[in-house]
Amino acid sequence: MKYALLGDLHSHKEDTQSVLEHIDATASSAIRIGLGDLFECTISKKKAHKKQSLPLHVAAKLPYDFIQLLDFPSIIGNQELRIMQVTGQTLFESLPETMEIEGALLIHGHQFEWLDDVTPVIKKNSESLTFFGHSHHSALFHKGITQPFKWNEPIHLTKKRYAINVGSVIFHREWCLYDADQRTITFMKV
């Protein structure tokens, strides 16, 4: 099975539409899954603890034409959590924090500790691959060390543990193709 993994859309219609068209053109049979931060919270993390019961239209960017593009499952990101925190609404509470797919754990990444060089500290889990986003930097990690990659070229992963940052849709128009049968990943960029 093939999976098109995309994260950090942040309510950006044009970038999201471009990535979805790229997925259709290059991997139309892949199952699309969002890795969180689909929406943009307009309240900063610093100010969020002081805000409550804000109207949804004040706390989040939720353009109708963007929402129409979201026809795939997703996990929850820190933006969705903050929107719920400042509005008191529970509209994203059905989104899971993690998801497992054929040898891989999907998680947004805000749950990790992050080093100054944008390297996540990831604890071992039951799956050998961990896909995430959050930092907006596409990267392949093995034992905490960044591994080289080339855009749009498949990488065969051995039977080791890897962490894969799928990058961001917003501004970068990046996503990751995971072929579970071949155990390959391909960092994709429009």
N, C-alpha and C. Protein backbone atom coordinates (compact mmCIF):
# COMPACT_ATOMS: atom_id res chain seq x y z
N MET A 1 0.85 -1.18 0.00
CA MET A 1 0.00 0.00 0.00
C MET A 1 0.89 1.24 0.00
N LYS A 2 0.44 2.27 -0.70
CA LYS A 2 1.17 3.54 -0.74
C LYS A 2 0.38 4.59 0.02
N TYR A 3 1.14 5.47 0.70
CA TYR A 3 0.54 6.53 1.50
C TYR A 3 1.16 7.87 1.12
N ALA A 4 0.32 8.88 0.93
CA ALA A 4 0.77 10.25 0.71
C ALA A 4 0.58 10.97 2.04
N LEU A 5 1.69 11.29 2.69
CA LEU A 5 1.65 11.89 4.02
C LEU A 5 1.96 13.37 3.92
N LEU A 6 1.04 14.20 4.40
CA LEU A 6 1.22 15.64 4.30
C LEU A 6 0.84 16.30 5.61
N GLY A 7 1.59 17.30 5.98
CA GLY A 7 1.32 17.98 7.24
C GLY A 7 1.58 19.47 7.16
N ASP A 8 1.16 20.15 8.20
CA ASP A 8 1.39 21.58 8.34
C ASP A 8 0.85 22.36 7.15
N LEU A 9 -0.45 22.25 6.95
CA LEU A 9 -1.13 22.97 5.89
C LEU A 9 -1.45 24.41 6.32
N HIS A 10 -1.75 24.59 7.58
CA HIS A 10 -2.00 25.90 8.19
C HIS A 10 -3.00 26.75 7.39
N SER A 11 -4.07 26.12 6.94
CA SER A 11 -5.18 26.81 6.26
C SER A 11 -4.78 27.48 4.95
N HIS A 12 -3.68 27.07 4.35
CA HIS A 12 -3.21 27.73 3.12
C HIS A 12 -3.76 26.99 1.89
N LYS A 13 -4.77 27.58 1.27
CA LYS A 13 -5.48 26.94 0.17
C LYS A 13 -4.60 26.68 -1.04
N GLU A 14 -3.87 27.68 -1.51
CA GLU A 14 -3.10 27.53 -2.74
C GLU A 14 -2.02 26.46 -2.61
N ASP A 15 -1.27 26.48 -1.51
CA ASP A 15 -0.23 25.47 -1.31
C ASP A 15 -0.83 24.08 -1.17
N THR A 16 -1.93 23.98 -0.45
CA THR A 16 -2.59 22.69 -0.27
C THR A 16 -3.11 22.16 -1.59
N GLN A 17 -3.76 23.00 -2.36
CA GLN A 17 -4.29 22.58 -3.66
C GLN A 17 -3.16 22.12 -4.58
N SER A 18 -2.05 22.81 -4.56
CA SER A 18 -0.90 22.44 -5.39
C SER A 18 -0.35 21.07 -4.99
N VAL A 19 -0.23 20.82 -3.69
CA VAL A 19 0.27 19.53 -3.22
C VAL A 19 -0.71 18.41 -3.57
N LEU A 20 -1.99 18.64 -3.37
CA LEU A 20 -2.97 17.61 -3.69
C LEU A 20 -2.98 17.28 -5.19
N GLU A 21 -2.81 18.28 -6.03
CA GLU A 21 -2.71 18.05 -7.47
C GLU A 21 -1.44 17.25 -7.79
N HIS A 22 -0.36 17.54 -7.09
CA HIS A 22 0.90 16.80 -7.29
C HIS A 22 0.73 15.34 -6.88
N ILE A 23 0.04 15.12 -5.78
CA ILE A 23 -0.24 13.74 -5.34
C ILE A 23 -1.06 13.02 -6.41
N ASP A 24 -2.09 13.68 -6.90
CA ASP A 24 -2.92 13.07 -7.96
C ASP A 24 -2.09 12.72 -9.19
N ALA A 25 -1.15 13.57 -9.55
CA ALA A 25 -0.35 13.36 -10.76
C ALA A 25 0.74 12.31 -10.59
N THR A 26 1.27 12.16 -9.37
CA THR A 26 2.42 11.27 -9.18
C THR A 26 2.11 9.99 -8.41
N ALA A 27 1.04 9.99 -7.62
CA ALA A 27 0.73 8.83 -6.79
C ALA A 27 -0.77 8.76 -6.54
N SER A 28 -1.54 8.71 -7.61
CA SER A 28 -3.00 8.80 -7.49
C SER A 28 -3.63 7.68 -6.67
N SER A 29 -2.96 6.52 -6.58
CA SER A 29 -3.53 5.42 -5.80
C SER A 29 -3.16 5.48 -4.32
N ALA A 30 -2.31 6.41 -3.95
CA ALA A 30 -1.86 6.50 -2.55
C ALA A 30 -2.99 7.00 -1.65
N ILE A 31 -3.03 6.46 -0.46
CA ILE A 31 -3.98 6.91 0.56
C ILE A 31 -3.41 8.17 1.20
N ARG A 32 -4.18 9.24 1.18
CA ARG A 32 -3.74 10.52 1.77
C ARG A 32 -4.04 10.52 3.26
N ILE A 33 -3.05 10.98 4.03
CA ILE A 33 -3.26 11.14 5.47
C ILE A 33 -2.58 12.43 5.91
N GLY A 34 -3.29 13.23 6.69
CA GLY A 34 -2.75 14.47 7.24
C GLY A 34 -2.06 14.23 8.57
N LEU A 35 -0.95 14.93 8.77
CA LEU A 35 -0.19 14.79 10.01
C LEU A 35 -0.36 15.98 10.94
N GLY A 36 -1.50 16.61 10.88
CA GLY A 36 -1.83 17.67 11.83
C GLY A 36 -1.48 19.06 11.36
N ASP A 37 -1.91 20.04 12.13
CA ASP A 37 -1.81 21.46 11.80
C ASP A 37 -2.43 21.73 10.43
N LEU A 38 -3.61 21.16 10.24
CA LEU A 38 -4.37 21.46 9.03
C LEU A 38 -4.77 22.93 9.02
N PHE A 39 -5.12 23.43 10.20
CA PHE A 39 -5.65 24.79 10.32
C PHE A 39 -4.66 25.71 11.02
N GLU A 40 -4.86 26.99 10.84
CA GLU A 40 -4.01 28.01 11.45
C GLU A 40 -4.76 28.66 12.61
N CYS A 41 -4.17 28.59 13.79
CA CYS A 41 -4.70 29.30 14.96
C CYS A 41 -4.12 30.71 14.93
N THR A 42 -4.96 31.72 15.08
CA THR A 42 -4.50 33.11 15.02
C THR A 42 -4.05 33.63 16.38
N ILE A 43 -4.15 32.81 17.41
CA ILE A 43 -3.72 33.19 18.76
C ILE A 43 -2.39 32.50 19.03
N SER A 44 -1.38 33.27 19.41
CA SER A 44 -0.06 32.69 19.66
C SER A 44 -0.08 31.77 20.88
N LYS A 45 0.89 30.89 20.92
CA LYS A 45 1.02 29.97 22.05
C LYS A 45 1.21 30.75 23.35
N LYS A 46 1.94 31.85 23.27
CA LYS A 46 2.22 32.68 24.44
C LYS A 46 0.94 33.31 25.00
N LYS A 47 0.03 33.73 24.11
CA LYS A 47 -1.19 34.40 24.53
C LYS A 47 -2.36 33.45 24.79
N ALA A 48 -2.24 32.21 24.35
CA ALA A 48 -3.37 31.28 24.41
C ALA A 48 -3.84 31.00 25.83
N HIS A 49 -2.93 30.94 26.77
CA HIS A 49 -3.35 30.61 28.15
C HIS A 49 -4.18 31.73 28.78
N LYS A 50 -4.15 32.94 28.20
CA LYS A 50 -4.93 34.08 28.72
C LYS A 50 -6.27 34.22 28.02
N LYS A 51 -6.48 33.48 26.97
CA LYS A 51 -7.70 33.62 26.17
C LYS A 51 -8.63 32.44 26.39
N GLN A 52 -9.92 32.73 26.39
CA GLN A 52 -10.91 31.65 26.47
C GLN A 52 -12.23 32.13 25.89
N SER A 53 -12.98 31.19 25.40
CA SER A 53 -14.31 31.45 24.84
C SER A 53 -14.30 32.44 23.68
N LEU A 54 -13.22 32.45 22.92
CA LEU A 54 -13.17 33.32 21.74
C LEU A 54 -14.06 32.75 20.65
N PRO A 55 -14.65 33.60 19.82
CA PRO A 55 -15.40 33.09 18.67
C PRO A 55 -14.44 32.37 17.72
N LEU A 56 -14.93 31.35 17.08
CA LEU A 56 -14.11 30.54 16.19
C LEU A 56 -13.48 31.38 15.08
N HIS A 57 -14.23 32.31 14.51
CA HIS A 57 -13.71 33.13 13.41
C HIS A 57 -12.58 34.07 13.86
N VAL A 58 -12.48 34.33 15.15
CA VAL A 58 -11.40 35.15 15.70
C VAL A 58 -10.16 34.29 15.97
N ALA A 59 -10.35 33.06 16.39
CA ALA A 59 -9.26 32.19 16.82
C ALA A 59 -8.62 31.38 15.71
N ALA A 60 -9.29 31.25 14.57
CA ALA A 60 -8.76 30.34 13.54
C ALA A 60 -9.09 30.84 12.14
N LYS A 61 -8.21 30.46 11.22
CA LYS A 61 -8.48 30.69 9.80
C LYS A 61 -9.14 29.42 9.27
N LEU A 62 -10.41 29.54 8.89
CA LEU A 62 -11.19 28.39 8.42
C LEU A 62 -11.90 28.72 7.11
N PRO A 63 -11.17 29.08 6.07
CA PRO A 63 -11.83 29.44 4.81
C PRO A 63 -12.55 28.24 4.20
N TYR A 64 -13.76 28.49 3.75
CA TYR A 64 -14.60 27.43 3.22
C TYR A 64 -13.94 26.70 2.06
N ASP A 65 -13.32 27.43 1.13
CA ASP A 65 -12.72 26.78 -0.04
C ASP A 65 -11.51 25.92 0.34
N PHE A 66 -10.86 26.25 1.45
CA PHE A 66 -9.77 25.40 1.96
C PHE A 66 -10.34 24.13 2.58
N ILE A 67 -11.35 24.28 3.40
CA ILE A 67 -11.97 23.14 4.08
C ILE A 67 -12.46 22.10 3.08
N GLN A 68 -12.94 22.55 1.91
CA GLN A 68 -13.43 21.64 0.89
C GLN A 68 -12.34 20.71 0.35
N LEU A 69 -11.07 21.09 0.51
CA LEU A 69 -9.95 20.27 0.04
C LEU A 69 -9.63 19.12 0.99
N LEU A 70 -10.12 19.19 2.21
CA LEU A 70 -9.74 18.23 3.25
C LEU A 70 -10.64 16.99 3.22
N ASP A 71 -10.39 16.12 2.26
CA ASP A 71 -11.20 14.91 2.11
C ASP A 71 -10.42 13.66 2.53
N PHE A 72 -9.52 13.81 3.48
CA PHE A 72 -8.67 12.70 3.93
C PHE A 72 -8.59 12.72 5.45
N PRO A 73 -8.30 11.56 6.05
CA PRO A 73 -8.17 11.52 7.51
C PRO A 73 -6.91 12.23 7.97
N SER A 74 -6.89 12.65 9.22
CA SER A 74 -5.74 13.33 9.77
C SER A 74 -5.62 13.04 11.26
N ILE A 75 -4.42 13.24 11.77
CA ILE A 75 -4.22 13.25 13.21
C ILE A 75 -4.28 14.71 13.66
N ILE A 76 -4.29 14.93 14.94
CA ILE A 76 -4.41 16.29 15.47
C ILE A 76 -3.03 16.92 15.63
N GLY A 77 -2.96 18.22 15.40
CA GLY A 77 -1.73 18.97 15.59
C GLY A 77 -1.90 20.00 16.69
N ASN A 78 -0.83 20.69 17.02
CA ASN A 78 -0.90 21.68 18.08
C ASN A 78 -1.78 22.88 17.72
N GLN A 79 -1.91 23.18 16.42
CA GLN A 79 -2.79 24.29 16.01
C GLN A 79 -4.26 23.97 16.34
N GLU A 80 -4.68 22.74 16.04
CA GLU A 80 -6.05 22.33 16.35
C GLU A 80 -6.28 22.32 17.87
N LEU A 81 -5.29 21.86 18.61
CA LEU A 81 -5.41 21.85 20.08
C LEU A 81 -5.56 23.27 20.62
N ARG A 82 -4.78 24.20 20.08
CA ARG A 82 -4.85 25.58 20.56
C ARG A 82 -6.18 26.23 20.17
N ILE A 83 -6.69 25.93 18.99
CA ILE A 83 -7.99 26.46 18.58
C ILE A 83 -9.06 26.01 19.58
N MET A 84 -9.02 24.73 19.94
CA MET A 84 -10.01 24.23 20.91
C MET A 84 -9.81 24.88 22.27
N GLN A 85 -8.56 25.08 22.67
CA GLN A 85 -8.26 25.68 23.97
C GLN A 85 -8.83 27.08 24.09
N VAL A 86 -8.63 27.92 23.08
CA VAL A 86 -9.03 29.32 23.19
C VAL A 86 -10.50 29.55 22.88
N THR A 87 -11.14 28.60 22.20
CA THR A 87 -12.56 28.77 21.89
C THR A 87 -13.47 28.00 22.84
N GLY A 88 -12.92 26.97 23.46
CA GLY A 88 -13.75 26.10 24.30
C GLY A 88 -14.57 25.13 23.49
N GLN A 89 -14.40 25.13 22.19
CA GLN A 89 -15.12 24.22 21.31
C GLN A 89 -14.35 22.92 21.14
N THR A 90 -15.05 21.86 20.81
CA THR A 90 -14.45 20.53 20.71
C THR A 90 -14.44 19.99 19.29
N LEU A 91 -14.42 20.88 18.31
CA LEU A 91 -14.60 20.43 16.93
C LEU A 91 -13.51 19.52 16.39
N PHE A 92 -12.33 19.48 16.99
CA PHE A 92 -11.27 18.60 16.49
C PHE A 92 -10.99 17.43 17.43
N GLU A 93 -11.80 17.27 18.44
CA GLU A 93 -11.49 16.26 19.45
C GLU A 93 -11.60 14.82 18.92
N SER A 94 -12.24 14.63 17.78
CA SER A 94 -12.32 13.28 17.21
C SER A 94 -11.04 12.89 16.46
N LEU A 95 -10.16 13.85 16.20
CA LEU A 95 -8.91 13.53 15.52
C LEU A 95 -7.97 12.82 16.50
N PRO A 96 -7.40 11.68 16.10
CA PRO A 96 -6.50 10.96 17.02
C PRO A 96 -5.16 11.67 17.14
N GLU A 97 -4.47 11.43 18.25
CA GLU A 97 -3.13 12.00 18.45
C GLU A 97 -2.08 11.24 17.64
N THR A 98 -2.32 9.96 17.46
CA THR A 98 -1.41 9.13 16.65
C THR A 98 -2.24 8.19 15.79
N MET A 99 -1.56 7.60 14.81
CA MET A 99 -2.20 6.62 13.94
C MET A 99 -1.10 5.63 13.55
N GLU A 100 -1.46 4.37 13.38
CA GLU A 100 -0.49 3.38 12.93
C GLU A 100 -0.91 2.86 11.56
N ILE A 101 0.06 2.78 10.66
CA ILE A 101 -0.17 2.23 9.32
C ILE A 101 1.00 1.33 8.96
N GLU A 102 0.78 0.13 8.62
CA GLU A 102 1.77 -0.80 8.07
C GLU A 102 3.23 -0.51 8.46
N GLY A 103 3.57 -0.76 9.70
CA GLY A 103 4.95 -0.60 10.15
C GLY A 103 5.36 0.81 10.49
N ALA A 104 4.41 1.72 10.58
CA ALA A 104 4.75 3.12 10.83
C ALA A 104 3.80 3.77 11.83
N LEU A 105 4.37 4.64 12.65
CA LEU A 105 3.60 5.47 13.57
C LEU A 105 3.52 6.86 12.97
N LEU A 106 2.33 7.44 12.96
CA LEU A 106 2.11 8.81 12.51
C LEU A 106 1.79 9.66 13.73
N ILE A 107 2.49 10.79 13.85
CA ILE A 107 2.30 11.69 14.99
C ILE A 107 2.64 13.09 14.49
N HIS A 108 2.03 14.11 15.07
CA HIS A 108 2.33 15.46 14.56
C HIS A 108 3.76 15.89 14.85
N GLY A 109 4.22 15.72 16.06
CA GLY A 109 5.59 16.08 16.41
C GLY A 109 5.70 17.12 17.51
N HIS A 110 4.62 17.82 17.83
CA HIS A 110 4.69 18.79 18.92
C HIS A 110 4.90 18.09 20.26
N GLN A 111 4.69 16.79 20.30
CA GLN A 111 4.86 16.02 21.53
C GLN A 111 6.33 15.71 21.83
N PHE A 112 7.21 15.88 20.86
CA PHE A 112 8.63 15.57 21.03
C PHE A 112 9.36 16.70 21.73
N GLU A 113 10.48 16.35 22.31
CA GLU A 113 11.46 17.35 22.72
C GLU A 113 12.27 17.66 21.46
N TRP A 114 12.63 18.92 21.25
CA TRP A 114 13.36 19.32 20.05
C TRP A 114 14.69 19.95 20.43
N LEU A 115 15.76 19.54 19.76
CA LEU A 115 17.07 20.14 19.96
C LEU A 115 17.14 21.44 19.16
N ASP A 116 18.12 22.28 19.45
CA ASP A 116 18.25 23.58 18.78
C ASP A 116 18.42 23.48 17.27
N ASP A 117 18.98 22.35 16.79
CA ASP A 117 19.21 22.20 15.35
C ASP A 117 18.02 21.56 14.63
N VAL A 118 16.84 21.61 15.23
CA VAL A 118 15.59 21.07 14.69
C VAL A 118 15.64 19.55 14.56
N THR A 119 16.36 18.91 15.47
CA THR A 119 16.38 17.46 15.54
C THR A 119 15.43 17.03 16.66
N PRO A 120 14.48 16.14 16.36
CA PRO A 120 13.58 15.69 17.40
C PRO A 120 14.21 14.59 18.25
N VAL A 121 13.82 14.54 19.51
CA VAL A 121 14.23 13.45 20.38
C VAL A 121 13.03 12.51 20.45
N ILE A 122 13.14 11.38 19.77
CA ILE A 122 12.00 10.46 19.63
C ILE A 122 12.28 9.18 20.41
N LYS A 123 11.36 8.86 21.29
CA LYS A 123 11.48 7.61 22.04
C LYS A 123 11.07 6.45 21.15
N LYS A 124 11.65 5.28 21.41
CA LYS A 124 11.29 4.09 20.63
C LYS A 124 9.83 3.76 20.83
N ASN A 125 9.20 3.31 19.76
CA ASN A 125 7.82 2.85 19.84
C ASN A 125 7.76 1.49 19.18
N SER A 126 6.58 0.94 19.09
CA SER A 126 6.43 -0.41 18.55
C SER A 126 6.71 -0.48 17.05
N GLU A 127 6.59 0.62 16.35
CA GLU A 127 6.81 0.64 14.91
C GLU A 127 8.24 1.09 14.60
N SER A 128 8.79 0.60 13.50
CA SER A 128 10.18 0.95 13.17
C SER A 128 10.29 2.29 12.43
N LEU A 129 9.19 2.79 11.91
CA LEU A 129 9.19 4.09 11.24
C LEU A 129 8.27 5.04 11.97
N THR A 130 8.72 6.27 12.15
CA THR A 130 7.90 7.31 12.74
C THR A 130 7.85 8.48 11.77
N PHE A 131 6.65 8.80 11.29
CA PHE A 131 6.44 9.94 10.40
C PHE A 131 5.85 11.08 11.21
N PHE A 132 6.34 12.30 10.98
CA PHE A 132 5.85 13.45 11.74
C PHE A 132 6.06 14.72 10.92
N GLY A 133 5.66 15.83 11.47
CA GLY A 133 5.84 17.15 10.86
C GLY A 133 6.27 18.14 11.92
N HIS A 134 5.51 19.18 12.11
CA HIS A 134 5.64 20.19 13.15
C HIS A 134 6.73 21.23 12.88
N SER A 135 7.94 20.84 12.54
CA SER A 135 9.03 21.81 12.42
C SER A 135 9.13 22.43 11.03
N HIS A 136 8.38 21.90 10.07
CA HIS A 136 8.37 22.39 8.69
C HIS A 136 9.68 22.12 7.95
N HIS A 137 10.49 21.19 8.43
CA HIS A 137 11.77 20.85 7.79
C HIS A 137 11.78 19.38 7.40
N SER A 138 11.74 19.08 6.10
CA SER A 138 11.83 17.69 5.65
C SER A 138 13.17 17.12 6.08
N ALA A 139 13.13 15.90 6.63
CA ALA A 139 14.39 15.29 7.07
C ALA A 139 14.18 13.80 7.32
N LEU A 140 15.28 13.06 7.15
CA LEU A 140 15.32 11.64 7.46
C LEU A 140 16.35 11.46 8.57
N PHE A 141 15.93 10.82 9.67
CA PHE A 141 16.81 10.61 10.81
C PHE A 141 16.99 9.12 11.08
N HIS A 142 18.21 8.74 11.36
CA HIS A 142 18.52 7.39 11.84
C HIS A 142 19.45 7.55 13.04
N LYS A 143 19.02 7.02 14.18
CA LYS A 143 19.76 7.17 15.44
C LYS A 143 20.03 8.64 15.76
N GLY A 144 19.06 9.51 15.44
CA GLY A 144 19.18 10.92 15.75
C GLY A 144 20.08 11.71 14.81
N ILE A 145 20.59 11.06 13.78
CA ILE A 145 21.49 11.73 12.84
C ILE A 145 20.75 11.94 11.52
N THR A 146 20.82 13.14 11.00
CA THR A 146 20.18 13.46 9.73
C THR A 146 20.88 12.73 8.59
N GLN A 147 20.07 12.08 7.76
CA GLN A 147 20.58 11.32 6.61
C GLN A 147 20.32 12.13 5.33
N PRO A 148 21.20 12.04 4.35
CA PRO A 148 20.99 12.78 3.11
C PRO A 148 19.84 12.20 2.29
N PHE A 149 19.21 13.04 1.49
CA PHE A 149 18.19 12.58 0.56
C PHE A 149 18.13 13.54 -0.62
N LYS A 150 17.53 13.06 -1.70
CA LYS A 150 17.29 13.90 -2.88
C LYS A 150 15.79 13.94 -3.10
N TRP A 151 15.30 15.10 -3.48
CA TRP A 151 13.87 15.26 -3.75
C TRP A 151 13.44 14.33 -4.87
N ASN A 152 12.26 13.77 -4.70
CA ASN A 152 11.58 12.97 -5.72
C ASN A 152 12.34 11.70 -6.12
N GLU A 153 13.25 11.22 -5.26
CA GLU A 153 13.96 9.96 -5.50
C GLU A 153 13.70 9.01 -4.34
N PRO A 154 13.18 7.80 -4.63
CA PRO A 154 12.88 6.84 -3.55
C PRO A 154 14.12 6.45 -2.76
N ILE A 155 13.91 6.26 -1.47
CA ILE A 155 14.95 5.80 -0.56
C ILE A 155 14.48 4.48 0.02
N HIS A 156 15.25 3.43 -0.17
CA HIS A 156 14.91 2.13 0.41
C HIS A 156 15.40 2.11 1.86
N LEU A 157 14.49 1.82 2.77
CA LEU A 157 14.83 1.78 4.19
C LEU A 157 15.08 0.34 4.61
N THR A 158 16.21 0.10 5.26
CA THR A 158 16.52 -1.24 5.76
C THR A 158 15.66 -1.52 6.99
N LYS A 159 15.83 -2.66 7.57
CA LYS A 159 15.02 -3.04 8.74
C LYS A 159 15.53 -2.38 10.02
N LYS A 160 15.73 -1.09 9.97
CA LYS A 160 16.17 -0.32 11.13
C LYS A 160 15.08 0.67 11.48
N ARG A 161 15.33 1.40 12.54
CA ARG A 161 14.39 2.44 12.96
C ARG A 161 14.76 3.77 12.32
N TYR A 162 13.74 4.45 11.81
CA TYR A 162 13.93 5.75 11.18
C TYR A 162 12.84 6.70 11.66
N ALA A 163 13.16 7.98 11.66
CA ALA A 163 12.18 9.03 11.89
C ALA A 163 12.18 9.90 10.64
N ILE A 164 10.99 10.20 10.15
CA ILE A 164 10.86 10.91 8.88
C ILE A 164 9.99 12.14 9.08
N ASN A 165 10.57 13.32 8.88
CA ASN A 165 9.81 14.56 8.92
C ASN A 165 9.34 14.83 7.50
N VAL A 166 8.04 14.86 7.31
CA VAL A 166 7.47 14.99 5.96
C VAL A 166 7.51 16.42 5.41
N GLY A 167 8.00 17.37 6.20
CA GLY A 167 8.06 18.75 5.75
C GLY A 167 6.73 19.45 5.89
N SER A 168 6.57 20.56 5.20
CA SER A 168 5.31 21.31 5.33
C SER A 168 4.71 21.61 3.96
N VAL A 169 3.40 21.60 3.95
CA VAL A 169 2.67 22.02 2.76
C VAL A 169 2.78 23.53 2.63
N ILE A 170 2.52 24.25 3.73
CA ILE A 170 2.57 25.71 3.67
C ILE A 170 3.99 26.18 3.34
N PHE A 171 4.08 27.08 2.43
CA PHE A 171 5.32 27.73 1.97
C PHE A 171 6.26 26.81 1.19
N HIS A 172 6.39 25.53 1.59
CA HIS A 172 7.37 24.65 0.96
C HIS A 172 6.76 23.67 -0.05
N ARG A 173 5.47 23.41 0.06
CA ARG A 173 4.77 22.48 -0.83
C ARG A 173 5.46 21.11 -0.87
N GLU A 174 5.70 20.57 0.32
CA GLU A 174 6.37 19.28 0.48
C GLU A 174 5.40 18.24 1.02
N TRP A 175 5.70 16.98 0.72
CA TRP A 175 4.96 15.85 1.27
C TRP A 175 5.84 14.63 1.12
N CYS A 176 5.40 13.49 1.66
CA CYS A 176 6.23 12.28 1.61
C CYS A 176 5.38 11.11 1.13
N LEU A 177 5.93 10.35 0.19
CA LEU A 177 5.28 9.15 -0.31
C LEU A 177 5.91 7.95 0.40
N TYR A 178 5.10 7.17 1.07
CA TYR A 178 5.55 5.97 1.78
C TYR A 178 4.96 4.75 1.08
N ASP A 179 5.82 3.88 0.57
CA ASP A 179 5.40 2.62 -0.03
C ASP A 179 5.70 1.53 0.99
N ALA A 180 4.68 1.06 1.68
CA ALA A 180 4.85 0.08 2.75
C ALA A 180 5.31 -1.27 2.21
N ASP A 181 4.87 -1.65 1.03
CA ASP A 181 5.26 -2.94 0.45
C ASP A 181 6.74 -2.96 0.07
N GLN A 182 7.22 -1.88 -0.51
CA GLN A 182 8.62 -1.79 -0.93
C GLN A 182 9.53 -1.25 0.18
N ARG A 183 8.91 -0.75 1.24
CA ARG A 183 9.61 -0.08 2.34
C ARG A 183 10.51 1.04 1.81
N THR A 184 9.87 1.91 1.04
CA THR A 184 10.57 3.09 0.52
C THR A 184 9.83 4.36 0.93
N ILE A 185 10.57 5.42 1.03
CA ILE A 185 9.98 6.76 1.19
C ILE A 185 10.54 7.63 0.09
N THR A 186 9.74 8.59 -0.32
CA THR A 186 10.19 9.56 -1.32
C THR A 186 9.77 10.93 -0.84
N PHE A 187 10.75 11.79 -0.59
CA PHE A 187 10.45 13.17 -0.23
C PHE A 187 10.04 13.88 -1.50
N MET A 188 8.82 14.39 -1.51
CA MET A 188 8.25 15.02 -2.70
C MET A 188 8.15 16.53 -2.49
N LYS A 189 8.43 17.25 -3.57
CA LYS A 189 8.33 18.71 -3.54
C LYS A 189 7.73 19.16 -4.86
N VAL A 190 6.70 19.97 -4.77
CA VAL A 190 6.04 20.46 -5.98
C VAL A 190 6.95 21.44 -6.69
